Amino acid sequence: MIESEYYSNYKGPNLIKATINNIEFTEHFKFYYGKHNNWQGKLWTFQDIFPAGYSSLPFRCDFEDDNGTKHWFKGIIGKPTQIFNHPAHTPINQNL
């Protein structure tokens, strides 16, 4: 994991669901997303977030902001040391 000034100042929408290969992993992801919805101010590698042996599987994260707008992203779990570069869903009224 890498400390990120950008994410330390970021506040994203609420994580409402996360899956790996269509299996529920929401509580697991919530730990990394953090209580301030900012990925704990870090960029994580795939090996940081995903359990060992889960490479090449599809994942998806769903979010909902305070206005009820839904956001999501999905991908395939990459190489263990590759950065899990998650999108930043920033509300229009948030200054970064």
PDB file of N, CA and C in Angstrom:
ATOM      1  N   MET A   1       0.829  -1.171   0.000  1.00  0.00           N
ATOM      2  CA  MET A   1       0.000   0.000   0.000  1.00  0.00           C
ATOM      3  C   MET A   1       0.873   1.232   0.000  1.00  0.00           C
ATOM      4  N   ILE A   2       0.327   2.293  -0.574  1.00  0.00           N
ATOM      5  CA  ILE A   2       1.053   3.554  -0.718  1.00  0.00           C
ATOM      6  C   ILE A   2       0.187   4.674  -0.141  1.00  0.00           C
ATOM      7  N   GLU A   3       0.763   5.488   0.719  1.00  0.00           N
ATOM      8  CA  GLU A   3       0.045   6.658   1.224  1.00  0.00           C
ATOM      9  C   GLU A   3      -0.290   7.579   0.052  1.00  0.00           C
ATOM     10  N   SER A   4      -1.475   8.164   0.054  1.00  0.00           N
ATOM     11  CA  SER A   4      -1.917   9.027  -1.039  1.00  0.00           C
ATOM     12  C   SER A   4      -2.479  10.325  -0.479  1.00  0.00           C
ATOM     13  N   GLU A   5      -1.838  11.419  -0.792  1.00  0.00           N
ATOM     14  CA  GLU A   5      -2.337  12.721  -0.351  1.00  0.00           C
ATOM     15  C   GLU A   5      -3.728  12.981  -0.919  1.00  0.00           C
ATOM     16  N   TYR A   6      -3.920  12.597  -2.182  1.00  0.00           N
ATOM     17  CA  TYR A   6      -5.221  12.797  -2.819  1.00  0.00           C
ATOM     18  C   TYR A   6      -6.323  12.078  -2.035  1.00  0.00           C
ATOM     19  N   TYR A   7      -6.130  10.787  -1.769  1.00  0.00           N
ATOM     20  CA  TYR A   7      -7.173  10.036  -1.074  1.00  0.00           C
ATOM     21  C   TYR A   7      -7.300  10.430   0.387  1.00  0.00           C
ATOM     22  N   SER A   8      -6.262  10.964   0.987  1.00  0.00           N
ATOM     23  CA  SER A   8      -6.401  11.399   2.384  1.00  0.00           C
ATOM     24  C   SER A   8      -7.340  12.601   2.489  1.00  0.00           C
ATOM     25  N   ASN A   9      -7.523  13.351   1.394  1.00  0.00           N
ATOM     26  CA  ASN A   9      -8.424  14.502   1.369  1.00  0.00           C
ATOM     27  C   ASN A   9      -9.751  14.202   0.672  1.00  0.00           C
ATOM     28  N   TYR A  10      -9.967  12.970   0.300  1.00  0.00           N
ATOM     29  CA  TYR A  10     -11.129  12.550  -0.472  1.00  0.00           C
ATOM     30  C   TYR A  10     -12.215  11.999   0.459  1.00  0.00           C
ATOM     31  N   LYS A  11     -13.466  12.245   0.125  1.00  0.00           N
ATOM     32  CA  LYS A  11     -14.582  11.596   0.817  1.00  0.00           C
ATOM     33  C   LYS A  11     -15.548  11.136  -0.246  1.00  0.00           C
ATOM     34  N   GLY A  12     -15.623   9.825  -0.420  1.00  0.00           N
ATOM     35  CA  GLY A  12     -16.469   9.253  -1.456  1.00  0.00           C
ATOM     36  C   GLY A  12     -17.841   8.867  -0.957  1.00  0.00           C
ATOM     37  N   PRO A  13     -18.651   8.337  -1.861  1.00  0.00           N
ATOM     38  CA  PRO A  13     -19.989   7.870  -1.490  1.00  0.00           C
ATOM     39  C   PRO A  13     -19.897   6.605  -0.639  1.00  0.00           C
ATOM     40  N   ASN A  14     -20.991   6.218  -0.049  1.00  0.00           N
ATOM     41  CA  ASN A  14     -21.034   5.036   0.807  1.00  0.00           C
ATOM     42  C   ASN A  14     -20.934   3.758  -0.026  1.00  0.00           C
ATOM     43  N   LEU A  15     -20.089   2.847   0.395  1.00  0.00           N
ATOM     44  CA  LEU A  15     -19.992   1.535  -0.227  1.00  0.00           C
ATOM     45  C   LEU A  15     -21.193   0.720   0.220  1.00  0.00           C
ATOM     46  N   ILE A  16     -22.007   0.264  -0.734  1.00  0.00           N
ATOM     47  CA  ILE A  16     -23.213  -0.482  -0.362  1.00  0.00           C
ATOM     48  C   ILE A  16     -23.120  -1.964  -0.713  1.00  0.00           C
ATOM     49  N   LYS A  17     -22.229  -2.322  -1.646  1.00  0.00           N
ATOM     50  CA  LYS A  17     -22.083  -3.731  -2.000  1.00  0.00           C
ATOM     51  C   LYS A  17     -20.753  -3.933  -2.708  1.00  0.00           C
ATOM     52  N   ALA A  18     -20.098  -5.039  -2.404  1.00  0.00           N
ATOM     53  CA  ALA A  18     -18.874  -5.434  -3.101  1.00  0.00           C
ATOM     54  C   ALA A  18     -18.905  -6.938  -3.295  1.00  0.00           C
ATOM     55  N   THR A  19     -18.532  -7.377  -4.489  1.00  0.00           N
ATOM     56  CA  THR A  19     -18.521  -8.802  -4.782  1.00  0.00           C
ATOM     57  C   THR A  19     -17.224  -9.184  -5.487  1.00  0.00           C
ATOM     58  N   ILE A  20     -16.822 -10.422  -5.287  1.00  0.00           N
ATOM     59  CA  ILE A  20     -15.741 -11.042  -6.040  1.00  0.00           C
ATOM     60  C   ILE A  20     -16.342 -12.300  -6.648  1.00  0.00           C
ATOM     61  N   ASN A  21     -16.324 -12.361  -7.983  1.00  0.00           N
ATOM     62  CA  ASN A  21     -16.891 -13.505  -8.694  1.00  0.00           C
ATOM     63  C   ASN A  21     -18.335 -13.768  -8.239  1.00  0.00           C
ATOM     64  N   ASN A  22     -19.088 -12.675  -8.074  1.00  0.00           N
ATOM     65  CA  ASN A  22     -20.493 -12.684  -7.640  1.00  0.00           C
ATOM     66  C   ASN A  22     -20.702 -13.210  -6.228  1.00  0.00           C
ATOM     67  N   ILE A  23     -19.643 -13.270  -5.425  1.00  0.00           N
ATOM     68  CA  ILE A  23     -19.747 -13.666  -4.020  1.00  0.00           C
ATOM     69  C   ILE A  23     -19.616 -12.411  -3.168  1.00  0.00           C
ATOM     70  N   GLU A  24     -20.505 -12.241  -2.220  1.00  0.00           N
ATOM     71  CA  GLU A  24     -20.536 -11.050  -1.364  1.00  0.00           C
ATOM     72  C   GLU A  24     -19.249 -10.886  -0.557  1.00  0.00           C
ATOM     73  N   PHE A  25     -18.618  -9.700  -0.681  1.00  0.00           N
ATOM     74  CA  PHE A  25     -17.413  -9.357   0.076  1.00  0.00           C
ATOM     75  C   PHE A  25     -17.508  -7.934   0.624  1.00  0.00           C
ATOM     76  N   THR A  26     -18.723  -7.439   0.841  1.00  0.00           N
ATOM     77  CA  THR A  26     -18.925  -6.040   1.225  1.00  0.00           C
ATOM     78  C   THR A  26     -18.186  -5.683   2.512  1.00  0.00           C
ATOM     79  N   GLU A  27     -18.344  -6.459   3.555  1.00  0.00           N
ATOM     80  CA  GLU A  27     -17.699  -6.120   4.834  1.00  0.00           C
ATOM     81  C   GLU A  27     -16.176  -6.140   4.704  1.00  0.00           C
ATOM     82  N   HIS A  28     -15.646  -7.048   3.922  1.00  0.00           N
ATOM     83  CA  HIS A  28     -14.203  -7.111   3.673  1.00  0.00           C
ATOM     84  C   HIS A  28     -13.721  -5.813   3.016  1.00  0.00           C
ATOM     85  N   PHE A  29     -14.432  -5.353   1.986  1.00  0.00           N
ATOM     86  CA  PHE A  29     -14.050  -4.134   1.282  1.00  0.00           C
ATOM     87  C   PHE A  29     -14.227  -2.896   2.158  1.00  0.00           C
ATOM     88  N   LYS A  30     -15.246  -2.890   3.009  1.00  0.00           N
ATOM     89  CA  LYS A  30     -15.492  -1.723   3.864  1.00  0.00           C
ATOM     90  C   LYS A  30     -14.291  -1.418   4.753  1.00  0.00           C
ATOM     91  N   PHE A  31     -13.574  -2.452   5.189  1.00  0.00           N
ATOM     92  CA  PHE A  31     -12.376  -2.219   5.990  1.00  0.00           C
ATOM     93  C   PHE A  31     -11.382  -1.361   5.206  1.00  0.00           C
ATOM     94  N   TYR A  32     -11.127  -1.685   3.956  1.00  0.00           N
ATOM     95  CA  TYR A  32     -10.152  -0.957   3.140  1.00  0.00           C
ATOM     96  C   TYR A  32     -10.693   0.396   2.691  1.00  0.00           C
ATOM     97  N   TYR A  33     -11.982   0.469   2.398  1.00  0.00           N
ATOM     98  CA  TYR A  33     -12.582   1.741   2.002  1.00  0.00           C
ATOM     99  C   TYR A  33     -12.556   2.726   3.168  1.00  0.00           C
ATOM    100  N   GLY A  34     -12.630   2.231   4.376  1.00  0.00           N
ATOM    101  CA  GLY A  34     -12.449   3.043   5.573  1.00  0.00           C
ATOM    102  C   GLY A  34     -13.710   3.728   6.052  1.00  0.00           C
ATOM    103  N   LYS A  35     -13.672   4.131   7.313  1.00  0.00           N
ATOM    104  CA  LYS A  35     -14.851   4.770   7.915  1.00  0.00           C
ATOM    105  C   LYS A  35     -15.106   6.162   7.364  1.00  0.00           C
ATOM    106  N   HIS A  36     -14.119   6.752   6.667  1.00  0.00           N
ATOM    107  CA  HIS A  36     -14.300   8.079   6.067  1.00  0.00           C
ATOM    108  C   HIS A  36     -14.485   8.004   4.552  1.00  0.00           C
ATOM    109  N   ASN A  37     -14.718   6.792   4.026  1.00  0.00           N
ATOM    110  CA  ASN A  37     -14.947   6.587   2.588  1.00  0.00           C
ATOM    111  C   ASN A  37     -13.819   7.157   1.734  1.00  0.00           C
ATOM    112  N   ASN A  38     -12.583   6.915   2.170  1.00  0.00           N
ATOM    113  CA  ASN A  38     -11.437   7.480   1.447  1.00  0.00           C
ATOM    114  C   ASN A  38     -10.310   6.474   1.236  1.00  0.00           C
ATOM    115  N   TRP A  39     -10.633   5.189   1.260  1.00  0.00           N
ATOM    116  CA  TRP A  39      -9.635   4.118   1.118  1.00  0.00           C
ATOM    117  C   TRP A  39      -8.526   4.270   2.147  1.00  0.00           C
ATOM    118  N   GLN A  40      -8.875   4.841   3.311  1.00  0.00           N
ATOM    119  CA  GLN A  40      -7.944   5.088   4.417  1.00  0.00           C
ATOM    120  C   GLN A  40      -6.757   5.952   3.974  1.00  0.00           C
ATOM    121  N   GLY A  41      -6.965   6.757   2.931  1.00  0.00           N
ATOM    122  CA  GLY A  41      -5.905   7.644   2.451  1.00  0.00           C
ATOM    123  C   GLY A  41      -4.781   6.908   1.745  1.00  0.00           C
ATOM    124  N   LYS A  42      -5.077   5.741   1.178  1.00  0.00           N
ATOM    125  CA  LYS A  42      -4.020   4.912   0.585  1.00  0.00           C
ATOM    126  C   LYS A  42      -4.422   4.384  -0.783  1.00  0.00           C
ATOM    127  N   LEU A  43      -3.418   4.055  -1.571  1.00  0.00           N
ATOM    128  CA  LEU A  43      -3.597   3.224  -2.749  1.00  0.00           C
ATOM    129  C   LEU A  43      -3.179   1.822  -2.331  1.00  0.00           C
ATOM    130  N   TRP A  44      -4.027   0.862  -2.582  1.00  0.00           N
ATOM    131  CA  TRP A  44      -3.776  -0.516  -2.168  1.00  0.00           C
ATOM    132  C   TRP A  44      -3.363  -1.356  -3.369  1.00  0.00           C
ATOM    133  N   THR A  45      -2.587  -2.407  -3.134  1.00  0.00           N
ATOM    134  CA  THR A  45      -2.286  -3.364  -4.189  1.00  0.00           C
ATOM    135  C   THR A  45      -3.377  -4.436  -4.180  1.00  0.00           C
ATOM    136  N   PHE A  46      -3.443  -5.191  -5.256  1.00  0.00           N
ATOM    137  CA  PHE A  46      -4.416  -6.281  -5.301  1.00  0.00           C
ATOM    138  C   PHE A  46      -4.185  -7.266  -4.158  1.00  0.00           C
ATOM    139  N   GLN A  47      -2.914  -7.558  -3.830  1.00  0.00           N
ATOM    140  CA  GLN A  47      -2.652  -8.507  -2.743  1.00  0.00           C
ATOM    141  C   GLN A  47      -3.046  -7.952  -1.379  1.00  0.00           C
ATOM    142  N   ASP A  48      -3.084  -6.623  -1.225  1.00  0.00           N
ATOM    143  CA  ASP A  48      -3.548  -6.025   0.029  1.00  0.00           C
ATOM    144  C   ASP A  48      -5.038  -6.286   0.237  1.00  0.00           C
ATOM    145  N   ILE A  49      -5.808  -6.128  -0.822  1.00  0.00           N
ATOM    146  CA  ILE A  49      -7.265  -6.155  -0.704  1.00  0.00           C
ATOM    147  C   ILE A  49      -7.872  -7.535  -0.924  1.00  0.00           C
ATOM    148  N   PHE A  50      -7.376  -8.247  -1.915  1.00  0.00           N
ATOM    149  CA  PHE A  50      -8.018  -9.500  -2.300  1.00  0.00           C
ATOM    150  C   PHE A  50      -7.333 -10.702  -1.661  1.00  0.00           C
ATOM    151  N   PRO A  51      -8.132 -11.682  -1.222  1.00  0.00           N
ATOM    152  CA  PRO A  51      -7.559 -12.888  -0.617  1.00  0.00           C
ATOM    153  C   PRO A  51      -6.623 -13.616  -1.585  1.00  0.00           C
ATOM    154  N   ALA A  52      -5.616 -14.294  -1.053  1.00  0.00           N
ATOM    155  CA  ALA A  52      -4.673 -15.068  -1.857  1.00  0.00           C
ATOM    156  C   ALA A  52      -5.435 -16.088  -2.706  1.00  0.00           C
ATOM    157  N   GLY A  53      -4.978 -16.281  -3.931  1.00  0.00           N
ATOM    158  CA  GLY A  53      -5.606 -17.247  -4.822  1.00  0.00           C
ATOM    159  C   GLY A  53      -6.782 -16.703  -5.603  1.00  0.00           C
ATOM    160  N   TYR A  54      -7.067 -15.416  -5.489  1.00  0.00           N
ATOM    161  CA  TYR A  54      -8.218 -14.832  -6.163  1.00  0.00           C
ATOM    162  C   TYR A  54      -7.852 -14.079  -7.442  1.00  0.00           C
ATOM    163  N   SER A  55      -6.664 -14.291  -8.006  1.00  0.00           N
ATOM    164  CA  SER A  55      -6.286 -13.531  -9.195  1.00  0.00           C
ATOM    165  C   SER A  55      -7.139 -13.933 -10.394  1.00  0.00           C
ATOM    166  N   SER A  56      -7.316 -12.983 -11.277  1.00  0.00           N
ATOM    167  CA  SER A  56      -8.064 -13.142 -12.534  1.00  0.00           C
ATOM    168  C   SER A  56      -9.571 -13.312 -12.349  1.00  0.00           C
ATOM    169  N   LEU A  57     -10.086 -13.094 -11.159  1.00  0.00           N
ATOM    170  CA  LEU A  57     -11.534 -13.167 -10.932  1.00  0.00           C
ATOM    171  C   LEU A  57     -12.155 -11.777 -11.072  1.00  0.00           C
ATOM    172  N   PRO A  58     -13.414 -11.702 -11.508  1.00  0.00           N
ATOM    173  CA  PRO A  58     -14.084 -10.405 -11.607  1.00  0.00           C
ATOM    174  C   PRO A  58     -14.517  -9.888 -10.235  1.00  0.00           C
ATOM    175  N   PHE A  59     -14.475  -8.559 -10.086  1.00  0.00           N
ATOM    176  CA  PHE A  59     -14.977  -7.925  -8.870  1.00  0.00           C
ATOM    177  C   PHE A  59     -15.839  -6.733  -9.260  1.00  0.00           C
ATOM    178  N   ARG A  60     -16.665  -6.306  -8.330  1.00  0.00           N
ATOM    179  CA  ARG A  60     -17.520  -5.134  -8.551  1.00  0.00           C
ATOM    180  C   ARG A  60     -17.762  -4.455  -7.215  1.00  0.00           C
ATOM    181  N   CYS A  61     -17.770  -3.115  -7.234  1.00  0.00           N
ATOM    182  CA  CYS A  61     -18.085  -2.310  -6.048  1.00  0.00           C
ATOM    183  C   CYS A  61     -19.203  -1.343  -6.405  1.00  0.00           C
ATOM    184  N   ASP A  62     -20.239  -1.296  -5.568  1.00  0.00           N
ATOM    185  CA  ASP A  62     -21.376  -0.397  -5.759  1.00  0.00           C
ATOM    186  C   ASP A  62     -21.427   0.598  -4.613  1.00  0.00           C
ATOM    187  N   PHE A  63     -21.750   1.840  -4.955  1.00  0.00           N
ATOM    188  CA  PHE A  63     -21.771   2.936  -3.993  1.00  0.00           C
ATOM    189  C   PHE A  63     -23.067   3.722  -4.156  1.00  0.00           C
ATOM    190  N   GLU A  64     -23.423   4.447  -3.106  1.00  0.00           N
ATOM    191  CA  GLU A  64     -24.560   5.367  -3.182  1.00  0.00           C
ATOM    192  C   GLU A  64     -24.198   6.618  -2.400  1.00  0.00           C
ATOM    193  N   ASP A  65     -24.364   7.784  -3.043  1.00  0.00           N
ATOM    194  CA  ASP A  65     -24.024   9.029  -2.349  1.00  0.00           C
ATOM    195  C   ASP A  65     -25.205   9.535  -1.534  1.00  0.00           C
ATOM    196  N   ASP A  66     -25.006  10.631  -0.834  1.00  0.00           N
ATOM    197  CA  ASP A  66     -26.028  11.177   0.065  1.00  0.00           C
ATOM    198  C   ASP A  66     -27.289  11.615  -0.662  1.00  0.00           C
ATOM    199  N   ASN A  67     -27.199  11.855  -1.979  1.00  0.00           N
ATOM    200  CA  ASN A  67     -28.357  12.260  -2.770  1.00  0.00           C
ATOM    201  C   ASN A  67     -29.073  11.073  -3.405  1.00  0.00           C
ATOM    202  N   GLY A  68     -28.584   9.853  -3.135  1.00  0.00           N
ATOM    203  CA  GLY A  68     -29.196   8.661  -3.697  1.00  0.00           C
ATOM    204  C   GLY A  68     -28.647   8.257  -5.056  1.00  0.00           C
ATOM    205  N   THR A  69     -27.660   8.994  -5.562  1.00  0.00           N
ATOM    206  CA  THR A  69     -27.050   8.646  -6.844  1.00  0.00           C
ATOM    207  C   THR A  69     -26.160   7.426  -6.660  1.00  0.00           C
ATOM    208  N   LYS A  70     -26.315   6.478  -7.561  1.00  0.00           N
ATOM    209  CA  LYS A  70     -25.527   5.247  -7.470  1.00  0.00           C
ATOM    210  C   LYS A  70     -24.316   5.335  -8.391  1.00  0.00           C
ATOM    211  N   HIS A  71     -23.203   4.801  -7.915  1.00  0.00           N
ATOM    212  CA  HIS A  71     -21.951   4.730  -8.655  1.00  0.00           C
ATOM    213  C   HIS A  71     -21.445   3.297  -8.548  1.00  0.00           C
ATOM    214  N   TRP A  72     -20.657   2.863  -9.499  1.00  0.00           N
ATOM    215  CA  TRP A  72     -20.084   1.527  -9.427  1.00  0.00           C
ATOM    216  C   TRP A  72     -18.834   1.466 -10.272  1.00  0.00           C
ATOM    217  N   PHE A  73     -18.010   0.481 -10.000  1.00  0.00           N
ATOM    218  CA  PHE A  73     -16.907   0.129 -10.889  1.00  0.00           C
ATOM    219  C   PHE A  73     -16.671  -1.362 -10.773  1.00  0.00           C
ATOM    220  N   LYS A  74     -16.104  -1.905 -11.820  1.00  0.00           N
ATOM    221  CA  LYS A  74     -15.817  -3.333 -11.825  1.00  0.00           C
ATOM    222  C   LYS A  74     -14.507  -3.562 -12.556  1.00  0.00           C
ATOM    223  N   GLY A  75     -13.963  -4.736 -12.369  1.00  0.00           N
ATOM    224  CA  GLY A  75     -12.712  -5.077 -13.018  1.00  0.00           C
ATOM    225  C   GLY A  75     -12.364  -6.533 -12.796  1.00  0.00           C
ATOM    226  N   ILE A  76     -11.144  -6.860 -13.165  1.00  0.00           N
ATOM    227  CA  ILE A  76     -10.603  -8.197 -12.977  1.00  0.00           C
ATOM    228  C   ILE A  76      -9.410  -8.060 -12.033  1.00  0.00           C
ATOM    229  N   ILE A  77      -9.304  -8.945 -11.063  1.00  0.00           N
ATOM    230  CA  ILE A  77      -8.192  -8.904 -10.112  1.00  0.00           C
ATOM    231  C   ILE A  77      -6.893  -9.166 -10.875  1.00  0.00           C
ATOM    232  N   GLY A  78      -5.960  -8.234 -10.747  1.00  0.00           N
ATOM    233  CA  GLY A  78      -4.704  -8.295 -11.479  1.00  0.00           C
ATOM    234  C   GLY A  78      -3.589  -8.962 -10.699  1.00  0.00           C
ATOM    235  N   LYS A  79      -2.368  -8.697 -11.142  1.00  0.00           N
ATOM    236  CA  LYS A  79      -1.180  -9.251 -10.481  1.00  0.00           C
ATOM    237  C   LYS A  79      -1.116  -8.752  -9.041  1.00  0.00           C
ATOM    238  N   PRO A  80      -0.639  -9.584  -8.118  1.00  0.00           N
ATOM    239  CA  PRO A  80      -0.651  -9.224  -6.689  1.00  0.00           C
ATOM    240  C   PRO A  80      -0.020  -7.864  -6.365  1.00  0.00           C
ATOM    241  N   THR A  81       1.076  -7.496  -6.993  1.00  0.00           N
ATOM    242  CA  THR A  81       1.749  -6.240  -6.651  1.00  0.00           C
ATOM    243  C   THR A  81       1.247  -5.049  -7.458  1.00  0.00           C
ATOM    244  N   GLN A  82       0.313  -5.279  -8.359  1.00  0.00           N
ATOM    245  CA  GLN A  82      -0.269  -4.208  -9.159  1.00  0.00           C
ATOM    246  C   GLN A  82      -1.158  -3.348  -8.273  1.00  0.00           C
ATOM    247  N   ILE A  83      -1.154  -2.040  -8.513  1.00  0.00           N
ATOM    248  CA  ILE A  83      -2.003  -1.123  -7.738  1.00  0.00           C
ATOM    249  C   ILE A  83      -3.461  -1.321  -8.117  1.00  0.00           C
ATOM    250  N   PHE A  84      -4.290  -1.471  -7.110  1.00  0.00           N
ATOM    251  CA  PHE A  84      -5.740  -1.525  -7.273  1.00  0.00           C
ATOM    252  C   PHE A  84      -6.185  -0.067  -7.353  1.00  0.00           C
ATOM    253  N   ASN A  85      -6.141   0.480  -8.546  1.00  0.00           N
ATOM    254  CA  ASN A  85      -6.380   1.907  -8.746  1.00  0.00           C
ATOM    255  C   ASN A  85      -7.872   2.165  -8.917  1.00  0.00           C
ATOM    256  N   HIS A  86      -8.546   2.356  -7.829  1.00  0.00           N
ATOM    257  CA  HIS A  86      -9.978   2.541  -7.793  1.00  0.00           C
ATOM    258  C   HIS A  86     -10.363   3.948  -8.225  1.00  0.00           C
ATOM    259  N   PRO A  87     -11.479   4.106  -8.937  1.00  0.00           N
ATOM    260  CA  PRO A  87     -11.923   5.437  -9.338  1.00  0.00           C
ATOM    261  C   PRO A  87     -12.361   6.271  -8.129  1.00  0.00           C
ATOM    262  N   ALA A  88     -12.210   7.555  -8.248  1.00  0.00           N
ATOM    263  CA  ALA A  88     -12.685   8.479  -7.216  1.00  0.00           C
ATOM    264  C   ALA A  88     -14.000   9.076  -7.689  1.00  0.00           C
ATOM    265  N   HIS A  89     -15.063   8.747  -6.996  1.00  0.00           N
ATOM    266  CA  HIS A  89     -16.393   9.293  -7.316  1.00  0.00           C
ATOM    267  C   HIS A  89     -16.560  10.535  -6.453  1.00  0.00           C
ATOM    268  N   THR A  90     -16.352  11.697  -7.040  1.00  0.00           N
ATOM    269  CA  THR A  90     -16.397  12.938  -6.281  1.00  0.00           C
ATOM    270  C   THR A  90     -17.674  13.711  -6.586  1.00  0.00           C
ATOM    271  N   PRO A  91     -18.468  13.991  -5.576  1.00  0.00           N
ATOM    272  CA  PRO A  91     -19.648  14.824  -5.795  1.00  0.00           C
ATOM    273  C   PRO A  91     -19.260  16.187  -6.361  1.00  0.00           C
ATOM    274  N   ILE A  92     -20.112  16.740  -7.188  1.00  0.00           N
ATOM    275  CA  ILE A  92     -19.842  18.016  -7.847  1.00  0.00           C
ATOM    276  C   ILE A  92     -19.586  19.121  -6.829  1.00  0.00           C
ATOM    277  N   ASN A  93     -20.248  19.079  -5.689  1.00  0.00           N
ATOM    278  CA  ASN A  93     -20.121  20.153  -4.706  1.00  0.00           C
ATOM    279  C   ASN A  93     -18.951  19.949  -3.757  1.00  0.00           C
ATOM    280  N   GLN A  94     -18.096  18.951  -3.998  1.00  0.00           N
ATOM    281  CA  GLN A  94     -16.952  18.702  -3.101  1.00  0.00           C
ATOM    282  C   GLN A  94     -15.703  19.327  -3.690  1.00  0.00           C
ATOM    283  N   ASN A  95     -15.035  20.115  -2.898  1.00  0.00           N
ATOM    284  CA  ASN A  95     -13.774  20.717  -3.323  1.00  0.00           C
ATOM    285  C   ASN A  95     -12.619  19.869  -2.863  1.00  0.00           C
ATOM    286  N   LEU A  96     -11.724  19.549  -3.784  1.00  0.00           N
ATOM    287  CA  LEU A  96     -10.526  18.785  -3.422  1.00  0.00           C
ATOM    288  C   LEU A  96      -9.305  19.650  -3.614  1.00  0.00           C
TER     289      LEU A  96
END
